[in-house]
Amino acid sequence: MQEYPHIYKTSAEGQPKGIVKVKSPGLANIDTTPPPEFGGPEGQWSPETLMIASVTDCFIMTFRAIARASRLEWNDLECEAEGKLEKFNGIARFTFINLRATLSVPKGTRKAKANQLLHMAETNCMITNSMSADIRLDTIIEVASDQQVA
């Protein structure tokens, strides 16, 4: 890993109507539109969906690093997020994000340790740490072929 600070560069290009192209050097462009709630079409990425997607993506990447450092064996992690956008003091902003993480682990894994590491991932996620929204994490730990709720 490189020393801090890390710098990330993006740009966006758009006209009065239609798609906005989001770009970053060396990466594929992403086409975005306003979400349907703001009059945009269905089936397109929007700044709002990209923001919430970055939370789930960062959560899994952070968990990977924490699990590796803690020597936790795991099979699969799915993270769903629902963000609440509302007017707060006259300004639209995300006020709440609910995360639901479903972790599949091999038989014999200590569920309490796995659950602790999931919560550590939420605490250490640099994306959520950069936001003012309240974050709630619900976890489900599935052991082998048994499905057990933590």
Protein backbone atom coordinates (compact mmCIF):
# COMPACT_ATOMS: atom_id res chain seq x y z
CA MET A 1 0.00 0.00 0.00
CA GLN A 2 1.18 3.51 -0.78
CA GLU A 3 1.64 6.12 1.92
CA TYR A 4 -1.08 8.71 2.47
CA PRO A 5 -2.37 10.97 1.09
CA HIS A 6 -3.88 9.15 -1.89
CA ILE A 7 -5.27 11.27 -4.73
CA TYR A 8 -8.17 10.10 -6.93
CA LYS A 9 -9.10 11.97 -10.11
CA THR A 10 -12.40 11.97 -11.95
CA SER A 11 -14.20 14.22 -14.40
CA ALA A 12 -17.70 14.44 -15.79
CA GLU A 13 -19.03 15.73 -19.09
CA GLY A 14 -22.61 16.53 -20.02
CA GLN A 15 -24.93 18.72 -22.07
CA PRO A 16 -28.16 20.52 -21.05
CA LYS A 17 -30.06 17.21 -21.30
CA GLY A 18 -29.22 13.52 -21.46
CA ILE A 19 -26.41 11.38 -20.17
CA VAL A 20 -23.49 12.62 -18.12
CA LYS A 21 -20.25 10.71 -18.74
CA VAL A 22 -18.21 10.12 -15.59
CA LYS A 23 -14.55 9.48 -16.32
CA SER A 24 -11.36 8.54 -14.53
CA PRO A 25 -7.97 7.97 -16.13
CA GLY A 26 -7.50 4.33 -17.15
CA LEU A 27 -11.08 3.29 -16.34
CA ALA A 28 -14.19 2.67 -18.41
CA ASN A 29 -16.59 5.60 -18.52
CA ILE A 30 -19.85 5.39 -16.58
CA ASP A 31 -23.02 6.90 -18.06
CA THR A 32 -25.30 8.53 -15.49
CA THR A 33 -28.64 10.32 -15.49
CA PRO A 34 -30.79 11.78 -12.75
CA PRO A 35 -32.67 9.04 -10.89
CA PRO A 36 -36.39 8.54 -11.62
CA GLU A 37 -37.19 10.42 -8.38
CA PHE A 38 -35.71 13.53 -10.05
CA GLY A 39 -37.33 12.91 -13.44
CA GLY A 40 -34.61 10.72 -14.96
CA PRO A 41 -35.17 7.45 -16.82
CA GLU A 42 -35.29 4.01 -15.24
CA GLY A 43 -32.35 1.66 -15.69
CA GLN A 44 -29.45 4.13 -15.47
CA TRP A 45 -26.82 4.76 -12.83
CA SER A 46 -27.24 8.09 -11.04
CA PRO A 47 -24.97 9.98 -8.63
CA GLU A 48 -27.22 8.77 -5.83
CA THR A 49 -26.96 5.08 -6.76
CA LEU A 50 -23.21 5.43 -7.32
CA MET A 51 -22.84 6.90 -3.83
CA ILE A 52 -24.71 4.05 -2.14
CA ALA A 53 -22.92 1.50 -4.35
CA SER A 54 -19.59 2.92 -3.16
CA VAL A 55 -20.66 2.16 0.42
CA THR A 56 -21.34 -1.52 -0.31
CA ASP A 57 -18.20 -1.87 -2.41
CA CYS A 58 -15.98 -0.26 0.24
CA PHE A 59 -17.59 -2.35 2.99
CA ILE A 60 -16.64 -5.59 1.22
CA MET A 61 -13.12 -4.39 0.38
CA THR A 62 -12.60 -3.31 4.00
CA PHE A 63 -13.93 -6.64 5.27
CA ARG A 64 -11.53 -8.50 2.97
CA ALA A 65 -8.55 -6.71 4.50
CA ILE A 66 -9.76 -7.17 8.08
CA ALA A 67 -10.63 -10.85 7.57
CA ARG A 68 -7.24 -11.52 5.97
CA ALA A 69 -5.41 -9.79 8.83
CA SER A 70 -7.53 -11.73 11.36
CA ARG A 71 -7.11 -15.04 9.48
CA LEU A 72 -10.86 -15.54 9.15
CA GLU A 73 -11.83 -18.08 6.51
CA TRP A 74 -14.98 -17.09 4.62
CA ASN A 75 -16.75 -18.07 1.43
CA ASP A 76 -18.94 -15.18 0.31
CA LEU A 77 -20.14 -11.78 1.45
CA GLU A 78 -23.14 -9.94 0.05
CA CYS A 79 -23.84 -6.40 1.20
CA GLU A 80 -27.09 -4.62 0.41
CA ALA A 81 -27.61 -0.95 1.20
CA GLU A 82 -30.56 1.36 1.29
CA GLY A 83 -29.87 5.08 1.53
CA LYS A 84 -32.41 7.64 2.69
CA LEU A 85 -32.18 10.98 0.87
CA GLU A 86 -34.16 13.79 2.43
CA LYS A 87 -34.22 17.52 2.94
CA PHE A 88 -32.27 18.49 6.05
CA ASN A 89 -32.15 22.20 6.93
CA GLY A 90 -33.29 22.96 3.38
CA ILE A 91 -30.53 20.87 1.78
CA ALA A 92 -30.99 17.44 0.20
CA ARG A 93 -28.56 14.92 1.69
CA PHE A 94 -28.30 11.29 2.68
CA THR A 95 -29.32 11.10 6.33
CA PHE A 96 -29.39 7.33 6.88
CA ILE A 97 -27.90 4.25 5.27
CA ASN A 98 -28.96 0.76 6.30
CA LEU A 99 -26.48 -1.99 5.44
CA ARG A 100 -27.39 -5.67 5.45
CA ALA A 101 -24.37 -7.97 5.26
CA THR A 102 -24.81 -11.70 4.67
CA LEU A 103 -21.59 -13.60 5.30
CA SER A 104 -21.09 -17.25 4.40
CA VAL A 105 -18.41 -19.03 6.41
CA PRO A 106 -17.12 -22.61 6.63
CA LYS A 107 -18.41 -24.99 9.27
CA GLY A 108 -16.55 -24.54 12.55
CA THR A 109 -16.14 -20.78 12.18
CA ARG A 110 -16.76 -18.79 15.35
CA LYS A 111 -19.84 -16.71 14.50
CA ALA A 112 -19.04 -14.13 17.19
CA LYS A 113 -15.63 -13.45 15.64
CA ALA A 114 -17.12 -13.21 12.13
CA ASN A 115 -19.78 -10.80 13.38
CA GLN A 116 -17.16 -8.70 15.18
CA LEU A 117 -15.12 -8.43 11.98
CA LEU A 118 -18.19 -7.36 9.98
CA HIS A 119 -18.76 -4.55 12.47
CA MET A 120 -15.08 -3.61 12.30
CA ALA A 121 -15.45 -3.33 8.51
CA GLU A 122 -18.35 -0.91 8.94
CA THR A 123 -16.37 1.14 11.48
CA ASN A 124 -13.27 1.28 9.26
CA CYS A 125 -14.92 1.83 5.85
CA MET A 126 -13.37 5.03 4.50
CA ILE A 127 -16.46 5.86 2.44
CA THR A 128 -18.90 5.80 5.37
CA ASN A 129 -16.31 7.54 7.54
CA SER A 130 -16.39 10.39 4.99
CA MET A 131 -20.17 10.78 5.18
CA SER A 132 -22.41 12.52 7.69
CA ALA A 133 -25.27 10.01 7.28
CA ASP A 134 -26.11 7.67 10.14
CA ILE A 135 -25.13 4.08 9.31
CA ARG A 136 -26.79 0.92 10.64
CA LEU A 137 -25.42 -2.55 9.99
CA ASP A 138 -27.52 -5.70 10.20
CA THR A 139 -25.60 -8.97 9.88
CA ILE A 140 -26.47 -12.53 8.95
CA ILE A 141 -23.86 -15.26 9.34
CA GLU A 142 -24.50 -18.45 7.35
CA VAL A 143 -22.38 -21.38 8.53
CA ALA A 144 -21.76 -24.20 6.03
CA SER A 145 -25.21 -25.28 4.85
CA ASP A 146 -26.96 -24.12 8.03
CA GLN A 147 -28.48 -20.65 7.97
CA GLN A 148 -28.16 -18.98 11.34
CA VAL A 149 -28.84 -15.36 12.22
CA ALA A 150 -26.27 -13.47 14.29
